[in-house]
Amino acid sequence: MVSFQVFEKYQAARTAFVQTVAELAHRPQNIEALQNAGVMSLLRPLLLDTVASIQQSAALALGRLANYSEELAEAVVMNEVLPQLVYSLEKQNRFYKKTAAFVLKAVAKHSPQLAKAVVDAKSLDALVGCLREFEPSVKEAACWALGYIARHTAPLAQAVVDSGAVPLLVLCLQEPELSLKRIAASTMGEICKHSSELAQVVVDQSGVPFLAQLVCHHDSKLKRQVAQCLSQIAKHSVDLAEVVVETEIFTQTKLFSCLKDSDSVVRRNAATAIREVVKHSPELAQLVVNNGGHAAVIDYINKAKGGSRLPGIMTLGYIAAFSPTLATIIITTQGIRPLKDALINEPEDHIKSAAAWSLGQVGRHSPDHAQALAVADVFRRLVEVFQNKNSSFDLKQKAQRALKSVMQKCTYYKALEPLLLTSPPKILKYIVAQFAKILPTNPKARKSFVQSKGLQKIQELKMGGNGDLMQYIEIINKKFPPEIVDYYSPNYAEKLLQKIDTNDDDVKA
């Protein structure tokens, strides 16, 4: 009679081995030792074991190893594990499917090359099949894997779309499980971000209305993903932004309420979604303003700090850029103050650059708009940023452009006079050009110009000026009596001394 005890011991040993390895792989400090022991080649045959629990534990161990580093994920690919996983994915129970999808996600997340290897293993059809499963955890694991594949490149996202995943992702949004809703929204966002064509697929499958319904959900993690997905759809074109707007998330102030959410990521993602809508057209910007969105964004910037401020800052710039009326609304709603604060106090140069750009958009329309910036002491702050040796090239460029565009409209000479005495040459030329426009028609400005030592500064500039600057100086000087111009010239004292010498010579003669 044949004893089956040896088989039972063999099965128990295999079970203990894979369970122990899976547990060890859960701790980063064990990974190197497992790799040196050749654990990959030992786990690979166990994926086809006759015992389902052993298969599952082997897959779990491989997933944890692949999740740890790109190098180990490449080892999983090189050991031809993926075809076995995909084969088993279509055959096994829901527990194994969940684990196999985890392995595919762990490999795909590291790089486009590894994600393509997962696709090349014909995993997409199997993963989409998992989206049809009844078990929510299997759907969730498949969503994760599809999201990590789609995130890298447009061709990979297109492959996910071509596999028929999008309609099923939209269905996942409607499931009761929160975790499934979150990852479905996240995966749709990863697909939409690459191009308008991919975003249009989600629109065509009626995904936007379901996303919009979740904007006011009680779960913050879900709202993060929903707001981000909506922004990824809206960013590509006017038409796609209008699809988002048509869900009435602005007219019912759903998205604006997210700017006051207790979760900082929800607030930032909501601000980003608003930015991606308003940037496209004056009509969309006006719609946001009509529903009080600009005031909500200004309040958001006042309370936010650091990188979270950036989408709000850009939103105000986009709104103000479209028309003088919209820029006036930003001014009257106290929008200059938080922009100025970001320009002065934010440590990151890219945030300062955005603030400088937005201030330029607010002030460039008319003398009244420019004066609003002048009264708020924005000119001096922009000059300081431009002169700061630690400012990045982009920041200096944005500050210079903002100063140029706003100063060309500024007729408030009292704000320009102090800058004439302290600004660097690249900024001085804009100020002198503006005085050449103001002084010929404004007697009060001419008197103030002399009293503020502006005329004296002009004569000093004349000594080393050239090109356009000399033309502006000549225009200014012609509006003052020659004797006043001479009096404020740097060589005036020498001329007087020469006259004394000439008079002495005449007396002697």
Protein backbone atom coordinates (compact mmCIF):
# COMPACT_ATOMS: atom_id res chain seq x y z
CA MET A 1 0.00 0.00 0.00
CA VAL A 2 1.37 3.41 -1.08
CA SER A 3 1.82 5.92 1.76
CA PHE A 4 0.69 9.49 0.90
CA GLN A 5 2.49 10.96 3.89
CA VAL A 6 5.45 12.02 1.74
CA PHE A 7 3.13 13.99 -0.55
CA GLU A 8 1.50 15.66 2.40
CA LYS A 9 4.91 16.64 3.76
CA TYR A 10 5.93 17.99 0.35
CA GLN A 11 2.78 20.08 0.12
CA ALA A 12 3.22 21.36 3.66
CA ALA A 13 6.84 22.30 2.91
CA ARG A 14 5.85 24.16 -0.25
CA THR A 15 3.10 25.97 1.63
CA ALA A 16 5.43 26.94 4.46
CA PHE A 17 8.08 28.08 2.00
CA VAL A 18 5.87 30.42 -0.05
CA GLN A 19 4.11 31.82 3.00
CA THR A 20 7.43 32.52 4.72
CA VAL A 21 8.91 34.14 1.61
CA ALA A 22 5.78 36.26 1.16
CA GLU A 23 6.07 37.41 4.78
CA LEU A 24 9.80 38.10 4.46
CA ALA A 25 9.24 40.08 1.22
CA HIS A 26 6.90 42.37 3.13
CA ARG A 27 9.93 43.82 4.99
CA PRO A 28 12.39 45.92 2.93
CA GLN A 29 15.39 44.80 4.99
CA ASN A 30 14.93 41.22 3.75
CA ILE A 31 14.74 41.96 0.04
CA GLU A 32 18.45 41.86 -0.77
CA ALA A 33 18.97 38.56 1.05
CA LEU A 34 16.01 36.99 -0.78
CA GLN A 35 17.33 38.20 -4.10
CA ASN A 36 20.82 36.82 -3.41
CA ALA A 37 19.26 33.49 -2.51
CA GLY A 38 17.71 33.23 -6.00
CA VAL A 39 14.16 33.41 -4.75
CA MET A 40 12.75 34.36 -8.17
CA SER A 41 13.65 31.06 -9.80
CA LEU A 42 12.28 29.19 -6.79
CA LEU A 43 8.93 30.99 -6.84
CA ARG A 44 8.34 30.79 -10.59
CA PRO A 45 7.39 27.06 -10.80
CA LEU A 46 5.11 27.46 -7.78
CA LEU A 47 2.88 29.77 -9.83
CA LEU A 48 1.69 26.62 -11.61
CA ASP A 49 1.39 24.52 -8.46
CA THR A 50 -1.57 22.19 -8.18
CA VAL A 51 -2.58 23.82 -4.89
CA ALA A 52 -4.33 27.18 -5.35
CA SER A 53 -3.18 28.62 -2.01
CA ILE A 54 0.45 27.93 -2.93
CA GLN A 55 -0.03 29.65 -6.29
CA GLN A 56 -1.54 32.65 -4.55
CA SER A 57 1.23 32.95 -1.93
CA ALA A 58 3.90 32.62 -4.64
CA ALA A 59 2.26 35.39 -6.63
CA LEU A 60 1.97 37.57 -3.52
CA ALA A 61 5.69 37.14 -2.79
CA LEU A 62 6.61 38.01 -6.36
CA GLY A 63 4.36 41.06 -6.24
CA ARG A 64 5.99 42.35 -3.08
CA LEU A 65 9.45 41.82 -4.57
CA ALA A 66 8.52 43.58 -7.82
CA ASN A 67 6.91 46.41 -5.88
CA TYR A 68 10.15 47.08 -4.01
CA SER A 69 12.37 48.23 -6.90
CA GLU A 70 12.63 48.54 -10.65
CA GLU A 71 15.50 46.09 -10.65
CA LEU A 72 13.40 43.36 -9.05
CA ALA A 73 10.47 44.14 -11.32
CA GLU A 74 12.80 43.63 -14.30
CA ALA A 75 13.86 40.32 -12.76
CA VAL A 76 10.22 39.23 -12.66
CA VAL A 77 9.95 40.02 -16.37
CA MET A 78 13.26 38.30 -17.23
CA ASN A 79 12.16 35.14 -15.40
CA GLU A 80 9.10 34.97 -17.68
CA VAL A 81 6.70 35.17 -14.79
CA LEU A 82 4.20 37.45 -16.54
CA PRO A 83 2.85 34.93 -19.11
CA GLN A 84 2.19 32.42 -16.34
CA LEU A 85 0.40 35.05 -14.28
CA VAL A 86 -1.78 36.11 -17.18
CA TYR A 87 -2.61 32.50 -18.02
CA SER A 88 -3.62 31.81 -14.42
CA LEU A 89 -5.47 35.12 -14.18
CA GLU A 90 -8.19 33.84 -16.48
CA LYS A 91 -8.46 30.43 -14.83
CA GLN A 92 -8.18 30.82 -11.06
CA ASN A 93 -10.42 31.98 -8.23
CA ARG A 94 -10.99 35.56 -7.14
CA PHE A 95 -8.27 35.44 -4.49
CA TYR A 96 -5.62 34.51 -7.01
CA LYS A 97 -6.90 37.05 -9.54
CA LYS A 98 -6.56 39.80 -6.99
CA THR A 99 -2.99 38.79 -6.21
CA ALA A 100 -2.01 38.35 -9.86
CA ALA A 101 -3.34 41.82 -10.69
CA PHE A 102 -1.23 43.15 -7.79
CA VAL A 103 1.89 41.64 -9.37
CA LEU A 104 1.09 43.21 -12.75
CA LYS A 105 0.59 46.58 -11.05
CA ALA A 106 3.86 46.20 -9.12
CA VAL A 107 5.78 45.58 -12.34
CA ALA A 108 4.02 48.23 -14.46
CA LYS A 109 4.41 51.09 -12.01
CA HIS A 110 8.17 51.52 -12.39
CA SER A 111 8.68 52.58 -16.00
CA PRO A 112 7.09 52.72 -19.46
CA GLN A 113 9.30 49.82 -20.55
CA LEU A 114 8.05 47.56 -17.76
CA ALA A 115 4.45 48.67 -18.33
CA LYS A 116 4.86 47.74 -21.99
CA ALA A 117 6.21 44.35 -20.96
CA VAL A 118 3.01 43.81 -18.97
CA VAL A 119 0.95 44.78 -22.03
CA ASP A 120 3.05 42.57 -24.30
CA ALA A 121 2.26 39.64 -22.01
CA LYS A 122 -1.37 40.05 -23.17
CA SER A 123 -2.49 41.09 -19.71
CA LEU A 124 -5.00 43.78 -20.76
CA ASP A 125 -7.77 41.40 -21.83
CA ALA A 126 -7.36 39.43 -18.61
CA LEU A 127 -7.43 42.61 -16.49
CA VAL A 128 -10.50 43.92 -18.29
CA GLY A 129 -12.07 40.54 -17.64
CA CYS A 130 -11.41 41.10 -13.93
CA LEU A 131 -13.42 44.33 -14.16
CA ARG A 132 -16.43 42.16 -15.00
CA GLU A 133 -16.01 40.06 -11.85
CA PHE A 134 -18.59 40.27 -9.11
CA GLU A 135 -16.00 40.58 -6.34
CA PRO A 136 -15.17 44.31 -5.74
CA SER A 137 -11.61 43.59 -4.52
CA VAL A 138 -10.79 41.90 -7.85
CA LYS A 139 -12.14 44.89 -9.78
CA GLU A 140 -10.13 47.20 -7.56
CA ALA A 141 -6.89 45.28 -8.13
CA ALA A 142 -7.49 45.31 -11.90
CA CYS A 143 -8.16 49.08 -11.81
CA TRP A 144 -4.87 49.63 -10.03
CA ALA A 145 -2.95 47.66 -12.65
CA LEU A 146 -4.68 49.41 -15.58
CA GLY A 147 -4.03 52.81 -14.00
CA TYR A 148 -0.31 52.13 -13.60
CA ILE A 149 -0.09 50.97 -17.20
CA ALA A 150 -1.97 53.99 -18.56
CA ARG A 151 -0.09 56.60 -16.55
CA HIS A 152 3.22 56.40 -18.43
CA THR A 153 2.55 57.25 -22.07
CA ALA A 154 -0.26 58.00 -24.51
CA PRO A 155 0.29 54.74 -26.48
CA LEU A 156 0.00 52.69 -23.30
CA ALA A 157 -3.14 54.58 -22.30
CA GLN A 158 -4.50 54.00 -25.79
CA ALA A 159 -3.84 50.27 -25.38
CA VAL A 160 -5.92 50.31 -22.18
CA VAL A 161 -8.71 52.13 -24.02
CA ASP A 162 -8.55 49.71 -26.96
CA SER A 163 -8.98 46.81 -24.55
CA GLY A 164 -12.46 48.10 -23.69
CA ALA A 165 -11.66 49.19 -20.13
CA VAL A 166 -13.34 52.61 -20.08
CA PRO A 167 -17.04 51.55 -20.07
CA LEU A 168 -16.27 49.17 -17.22
CA LEU A 169 -14.39 51.88 -15.31
CA VAL A 170 -17.46 54.10 -15.58
CA LEU A 171 -19.53 51.24 -14.14
CA CYS A 172 -17.02 50.90 -11.30
CA LEU A 173 -17.68 54.55 -10.43
CA GLN A 174 -21.26 53.58 -9.75
CA GLU A 175 -20.42 50.70 -7.40
CA PRO A 176 -21.11 51.22 -3.67
CA GLU A 177 -17.54 50.43 -2.53
CA LEU A 178 -15.57 53.61 -1.83
CA SER A 179 -12.16 52.15 -2.57
CA LEU A 180 -13.35 50.95 -5.98
CA LYS A 181 -14.81 54.36 -6.82
CA ARG A 182 -11.51 56.03 -5.88
CA ILE A 183 -9.26 53.87 -8.02
CA ALA A 184 -11.70 53.91 -10.95
CA ALA A 185 -11.66 57.75 -10.94
CA SER A 186 -7.88 57.72 -10.60
CA THR A 187 -7.44 55.33 -13.54
CA MET A 188 -9.75 57.40 -15.72
CA GLY A 189 -7.65 60.45 -14.86
CA GLU A 190 -4.47 58.62 -15.87
CA ILE A 191 -6.06 57.82 -19.23
CA CYS A 192 -7.43 61.33 -19.83
CA LYS A 193 -4.27 63.25 -19.01
CA HIS A 194 -2.38 62.34 -22.19
CA SER A 195 -4.52 63.81 -24.99
CA SER A 196 -7.88 65.23 -25.94
CA GLU A 197 -8.65 62.07 -27.93
CA LEU A 198 -8.23 59.86 -24.87
CA ALA A 199 -10.23 62.27 -22.71
CA GLN A 200 -12.96 62.22 -25.35
CA VAL A 201 -13.31 58.45 -24.90
CA VAL A 202 -14.27 58.98 -21.25
CA VAL A 203 -16.68 61.73 -22.29
CA ASP A 204 -18.26 59.51 -24.95
CA GLN A 205 -18.85 56.81 -22.34
CA SER A 206 -20.79 59.34 -20.19
CA GLY A 207 -18.14 59.32 -17.49
CA VAL A 208 -18.27 63.06 -16.71
CA PRO A 209 -21.81 63.19 -15.22
CA PHE A 210 -20.96 60.35 -12.84
CA LEU A 211 -17.74 62.08 -11.83
CA ALA A 212 -19.59 65.35 -11.24
CA GLN A 213 -22.07 63.61 -8.95
CA LEU A 214 -19.19 62.58 -6.70
CA VAL A 215 -17.71 66.07 -6.29
CA CYS A 216 -19.72 66.61 -3.10
CA HIS A 217 -19.18 63.10 -1.71
CA HIS A 218 -18.34 62.86 1.98
CA ASP A 219 -15.14 60.89 1.34
CA SER A 220 -12.13 63.18 0.88
CA LYS A 221 -9.96 60.58 -0.87
CA LEU A 222 -12.66 60.06 -3.48
CA LYS A 223 -13.08 63.81 -4.00
CA ARG A 224 -9.32 64.09 -4.60
CA GLN A 225 -9.47 61.65 -7.50
CA VAL A 226 -12.70 63.03 -8.94
CA ALA A 227 -11.45 66.63 -9.01
CA GLN A 228 -8.17 65.53 -10.52
CA CYS A 229 -9.91 63.50 -13.23
CA LEU A 230 -12.17 66.42 -14.13
CA SER A 231 -9.14 68.69 -14.46
CA GLN A 232 -7.41 66.14 -16.71
CA ILE A 233 -10.47 66.15 -18.98
CA ALA A 234 -10.99 69.92 -19.02
CA LYS A 235 -7.38 70.89 -19.69
CA HIS A 236 -7.22 69.79 -23.30
CA SER A 237 -9.74 71.99 -25.14
CA VAL A 238 -12.67 74.39 -24.92
CA ASP A 239 -15.08 71.65 -25.97
CA LEU A 240 -13.97 69.27 -23.24
CA ALA A 241 -14.02 72.05 -20.64
CA GLU A 242 -17.57 72.86 -21.69
CA VAL A 243 -18.55 69.22 -21.17
CA VAL A 244 -17.32 69.52 -17.58
CA VAL A 245 -19.15 72.84 -17.13
CA GLU A 246 -22.41 71.40 -18.48
CA THR A 247 -22.61 69.10 -15.45
CA GLU A 248 -23.39 72.27 -13.42
CA ILE A 249 -20.54 71.78 -10.98
CA PHE A 250 -20.00 75.56 -11.17
CA THR A 251 -23.56 76.84 -11.31
CA GLN A 252 -24.37 74.76 -8.23
CA THR A 253 -21.02 75.77 -6.67
CA LYS A 254 -20.17 72.11 -6.03
CA LEU A 255 -16.53 72.51 -6.95
CA PHE A 256 -16.20 75.86 -5.18
CA SER A 257 -17.24 74.25 -1.91
CA CYS A 258 -14.30 71.85 -2.31
CA LEU A 259 -11.97 74.86 -1.97
CA LYS A 260 -12.97 74.91 1.70
CA ASP A 261 -12.66 71.18 2.25
CA SER A 262 -10.82 69.96 5.33
CA ASP A 263 -8.47 67.94 3.10
CA SER A 264 -5.65 70.00 1.55
CA VAL A 265 -5.33 67.74 -1.50
CA VAL A 266 -9.05 68.11 -2.27
CA ARG A 267 -8.66 71.89 -2.08
CA ARG A 268 -5.68 71.91 -4.40
CA ASN A 269 -7.23 69.51 -6.93
CA ALA A 270 -10.43 71.57 -6.99
CA ALA A 271 -8.43 74.74 -7.63
CA THR A 272 -6.59 72.93 -10.43
CA ALA A 273 -9.87 71.86 -12.04
CA ILE A 274 -11.15 75.46 -11.94
CA ARG A 275 -7.90 76.67 -13.50
CA GLU A 276 -8.12 74.12 -16.33
CA VAL A 277 -11.62 75.36 -17.18
CA VAL A 278 -11.12 79.14 -17.04
CA LYS A 279 -7.93 79.16 -19.12
CA HIS A 280 -9.72 78.32 -22.36
CA SER A 281 -12.08 81.22 -23.11
CA PRO A 282 -13.54 84.47 -21.76
CA GLU A 283 -16.98 82.85 -21.71
CA LEU A 284 -15.84 80.08 -19.37
CA ALA A 285 -13.98 82.58 -17.19
CA GLN A 286 -17.09 84.76 -17.05
CA LEU A 287 -19.25 81.80 -16.05
CA VAL A 288 -16.94 81.04 -13.11
CA VAL A 289 -16.97 84.71 -12.07
CA ASN A 290 -20.76 84.96 -12.39
CA ASN A 291 -21.07 82.11 -9.90
CA GLY A 292 -18.64 83.64 -7.42
CA GLY A 293 -15.75 81.37 -8.31
CA HIS A 294 -13.17 84.19 -8.36
CA ALA A 295 -14.01 85.18 -4.76
CA ALA A 296 -13.74 81.54 -3.66
CA VAL A 297 -10.35 81.23 -5.36
CA ILE A 298 -9.08 84.47 -3.76
CA ASP A 299 -10.15 83.20 -0.35
CA TYR A 300 -8.41 79.91 -1.12
CA ILE A 301 -5.11 81.64 -2.00
CA ASN A 302 -5.29 83.74 1.16
CA LYS A 303 -5.48 80.60 3.29
CA ALA A 304 -3.22 78.24 1.31
CA LYS A 305 0.58 78.15 1.49
CA GLY A 306 3.31 76.77 -0.70
CA GLY A 307 2.62 74.81 -3.88
CA SER A 308 -1.07 74.55 -3.07
CA ARG A 309 -1.40 78.23 -3.93
CA LEU A 310 -0.16 77.77 -7.48
CA PRO A 311 -3.37 76.68 -9.26
CA GLY A 312 -5.32 79.50 -7.57
CA ILE A 313 -2.71 82.08 -8.54
CA MET A 314 -2.80 80.90 -12.15
CA THR A 315 -6.61 80.94 -12.14
CA LEU A 316 -6.72 84.64 -11.26
CA GLY A 317 -4.19 85.36 -14.00
CA TYR A 318 -6.21 83.52 -16.62
CA ILE A 319 -9.44 85.25 -15.61
CA ALA A 320 -7.85 88.71 -15.58
CA ALA A 321 -6.13 88.17 -18.93
CA PHE A 322 -9.33 87.93 -20.96
CA SER A 323 -10.82 91.40 -20.52
CA PRO A 324 -10.57 94.70 -18.60
CA THR A 325 -13.92 93.94 -16.97
CA LEU A 326 -12.77 90.62 -15.58
CA ALA A 327 -9.50 92.18 -14.40
CA THR A 328 -11.47 94.92 -12.63
CA ILE A 329 -13.53 92.27 -10.85
CA ILE A 330 -10.33 90.62 -9.60
CA ILE A 331 -9.13 94.01 -8.32
CA THR A 332 -12.39 94.94 -6.59
CA THR A 333 -12.53 91.53 -4.91
CA GLN A 334 -9.11 92.21 -3.34
CA GLY A 335 -7.31 89.78 -5.62
CA ILE A 336 -4.07 91.79 -5.78
CA ARG A 337 -3.24 91.31 -2.11
CA PRO A 338 -2.76 87.50 -2.11
CA LEU A 339 -0.86 87.67 -5.41
CA LYS A 340 1.49 90.26 -3.96
CA ASP A 341 1.88 88.18 -0.80
CA ALA A 342 2.89 85.15 -2.88
CA LEU A 343 5.39 87.28 -4.81
CA ILE A 344 7.01 88.45 -1.58
CA ASN A 345 6.73 85.55 0.84
CA GLU A 346 6.67 82.27 -1.09
CA PRO A 347 10.10 80.57 -1.01
CA GLU A 348 9.73 78.75 -4.33
CA ASP A 349 10.64 80.74 -7.43
CA HIS A 350 8.09 79.03 -9.68
CA ILE A 351 5.29 80.24 -7.39
CA LYS A 352 6.74 83.77 -7.39
CA SER A 353 6.90 83.56 -11.20
CA ALA A 354 3.22 82.63 -11.40
CA ALA A 355 2.32 85.52 -9.09
CA ALA A 356 4.36 87.96 -11.21
CA TRP A 357 2.64 86.72 -14.36
CA SER A 358 -0.84 86.99 -12.85
CA LEU A 359 -0.17 90.51 -11.54
CA GLY A 360 0.91 91.46 -15.05
CA GLN A 361 -2.36 90.12 -16.46
CA VAL A 362 -4.37 92.13 -13.93
CA GLY A 363 -2.62 95.43 -14.56
CA ARG A 364 -1.95 95.48 -18.29
CA HIS A 365 -5.37 96.57 -19.56
CA SER A 366 -5.65 100.29 -18.76
CA PRO A 367 -4.27 103.16 -16.63
CA ASP A 368 -6.84 102.36 -13.94
CA HIS A 369 -5.73 98.74 -13.73
CA ALA A 370 -2.08 99.77 -13.66
CA GLN A 371 -2.78 102.32 -10.94
CA ALA A 372 -4.38 99.63 -8.78
CA LEU A 373 -1.07 97.74 -8.86
CA ALA A 374 0.90 100.93 -8.29
CA VAL A 375 -1.15 101.90 -5.23
CA ALA A 376 -0.64 98.38 -3.85
CA ASP A 377 3.16 98.89 -4.15
CA VAL A 378 3.46 96.01 -6.59
CA PHE A 379 5.93 97.80 -8.91
CA ARG A 380 8.58 98.08 -6.21
CA ARG A 381 8.14 94.45 -5.26
CA LEU A 382 8.52 93.31 -8.86
CA VAL A 383 11.70 95.39 -9.18
CA GLU A 384 13.09 93.84 -6.00
CA VAL A 385 12.43 90.35 -7.33
CA PHE A 386 14.08 91.27 -10.63
CA GLN A 387 17.17 92.64 -8.87
CA ASN A 388 17.52 89.75 -6.44
CA LYS A 389 20.62 87.79 -7.43
CA ASN A 390 19.05 84.59 -6.11
CA SER A 391 16.00 84.85 -8.40
CA SER A 392 15.82 82.30 -11.19
CA PHE A 393 16.03 83.33 -14.84
CA ASP A 394 12.35 82.54 -15.35
CA LEU A 395 11.32 84.62 -12.34
CA LYS A 396 13.36 87.60 -13.50
CA GLN A 397 11.88 87.25 -16.97
CA LYS A 398 8.31 87.09 -15.65
CA ALA A 399 8.88 90.11 -13.39
CA GLN A 400 10.38 92.12 -16.26
CA ARG A 401 7.53 91.28 -18.60
CA ALA A 402 4.95 92.15 -15.96
CA LEU A 403 6.63 95.51 -15.30
CA LYS A 404 6.85 96.29 -19.00
CA SER A 405 3.21 95.45 -19.76
CA VAL A 406 1.81 97.31 -16.75
CA MET A 407 4.09 100.35 -16.87
CA GLN A 408 3.12 100.96 -20.49
CA LYS A 409 -0.39 101.66 -19.19
CA CYS A 410 0.54 103.49 -15.98
CA THR A 411 -0.13 107.25 -15.80
CA TYR A 412 0.13 107.42 -12.01
CA TYR A 413 3.44 109.27 -12.00
CA LYS A 414 3.84 109.35 -8.22
CA ALA A 415 4.34 105.58 -8.24
CA LEU A 416 6.87 105.75 -11.07
CA GLU A 417 9.04 108.55 -9.60
CA PRO A 418 10.65 106.52 -6.78
CA LEU A 419 11.40 103.67 -9.19
CA LEU A 420 13.28 106.04 -11.48
CA LEU A 421 15.91 106.50 -8.78
CA THR A 422 16.36 102.85 -7.79
CA SER A 423 15.60 100.60 -10.76
CA PRO A 424 18.22 98.76 -12.83
CA PRO A 425 18.83 99.80 -16.47
CA LYS A 426 16.57 97.12 -18.00
CA ILE A 427 13.61 98.44 -16.01
CA LEU A 428 14.59 102.12 -16.26
CA LYS A 429 13.94 102.21 -19.99
CA TYR A 430 10.26 101.32 -19.42
CA ILE A 431 9.89 104.01 -16.75
CA VAL A 432 11.58 106.71 -18.85
CA ALA A 433 9.43 105.74 -21.85
CA GLN A 434 6.31 106.19 -19.74
CA PHE A 435 7.39 109.59 -18.44
CA ALA A 436 7.96 110.61 -22.08
CA LYS A 437 4.23 109.95 -22.57
CA ILE A 438 2.99 111.50 -19.31
CA LEU A 439 4.99 114.72 -18.94
CA PRO A 440 4.17 116.49 -22.25
CA THR A 441 0.46 116.75 -21.34
CA ASN A 442 0.57 117.01 -17.54
CA PRO A 443 1.95 120.20 -15.91
CA LYS A 444 1.50 118.85 -12.36
CA ALA A 445 3.49 115.78 -13.29
CA ARG A 446 6.31 117.97 -14.67
CA LYS A 447 6.53 119.95 -11.42
CA SER A 448 6.50 116.78 -9.34
CA PHE A 449 9.10 115.26 -11.65
CA VAL A 450 11.52 118.07 -10.86
CA GLN A 451 10.82 118.01 -7.12
CA SER A 452 11.32 114.23 -6.90
CA LYS A 453 14.76 114.55 -8.54
CA GLY A 454 13.46 112.74 -11.60
CA LEU A 455 14.74 115.40 -13.98
CA GLN A 456 18.16 115.20 -12.35
CA LYS A 457 18.18 111.41 -12.81
CA ILE A 458 17.26 111.84 -16.46
CA GLN A 459 20.28 114.06 -17.05
CA GLU A 460 22.51 111.48 -15.41
CA LEU A 461 21.09 108.81 -17.67
CA LYS A 462 21.73 111.02 -20.66
CA MET A 463 25.46 110.83 -20.04
CA GLY A 464 25.53 107.11 -20.82
CA GLY A 465 22.28 106.62 -22.71
CA ASN A 466 21.80 105.42 -26.26
CA GLY A 467 19.14 104.36 -28.76
CA ASP A 468 15.54 104.51 -27.63
CA LEU A 469 16.48 105.76 -24.18
CA MET A 470 18.05 108.91 -25.65
CA GLN A 471 14.92 109.57 -27.70
CA TYR A 472 12.74 109.39 -24.58
CA ILE A 473 15.13 111.69 -22.68
CA GLU A 474 15.04 114.26 -25.48
CA ILE A 475 11.22 114.24 -25.44
CA ILE A 476 11.25 114.86 -21.69
CA ASN A 477 13.90 117.60 -21.78
CA LYS A 478 12.03 119.53 -24.45
CA LYS A 479 9.15 119.99 -22.03
CA PHE A 480 11.30 121.88 -19.53
CA PRO A 481 13.03 125.32 -19.86
CA PRO A 482 16.67 124.90 -21.02
CA GLU A 483 18.04 126.60 -17.92
CA ILE A 484 16.31 124.05 -15.64
CA VAL A 485 17.66 121.20 -17.73
CA ASP A 486 21.13 122.72 -17.52
CA TYR A 487 20.79 123.25 -13.76
CA TYR A 488 20.14 119.56 -13.17
CA SER A 489 22.84 118.37 -15.58
CA PRO A 490 25.85 116.67 -13.92
CA ASN A 491 28.32 119.17 -15.52
CA TYR A 492 26.36 122.29 -14.54
CA ALA A 493 28.87 123.34 -11.84
CA GLU A 494 31.76 123.04 -14.32
CA LYS A 495 29.94 125.30 -16.78
CA LEU A 496 29.45 127.94 -14.06
CA LEU A 497 33.14 127.81 -13.17
CA GLN A 498 34.01 128.23 -16.82
CA LYS A 499 31.79 131.32 -16.93
CA ILE A 500 33.62 132.74 -13.89
CA ASP A 501 36.95 132.16 -15.61
CA THR A 502 35.62 133.79 -18.77
CA ASN A 503 34.42 136.85 -16.81
CA ASP A 504 37.83 137.15 -15.09
CA ASP A 505 39.55 137.14 -18.46
CA ASP A 506 37.20 139.86 -19.74
CA VAL A 507 37.93 142.06 -16.68
CA LYS A 508 41.70 141.70 -17.13
CA ALA A 509 41.36 142.60 -20.77
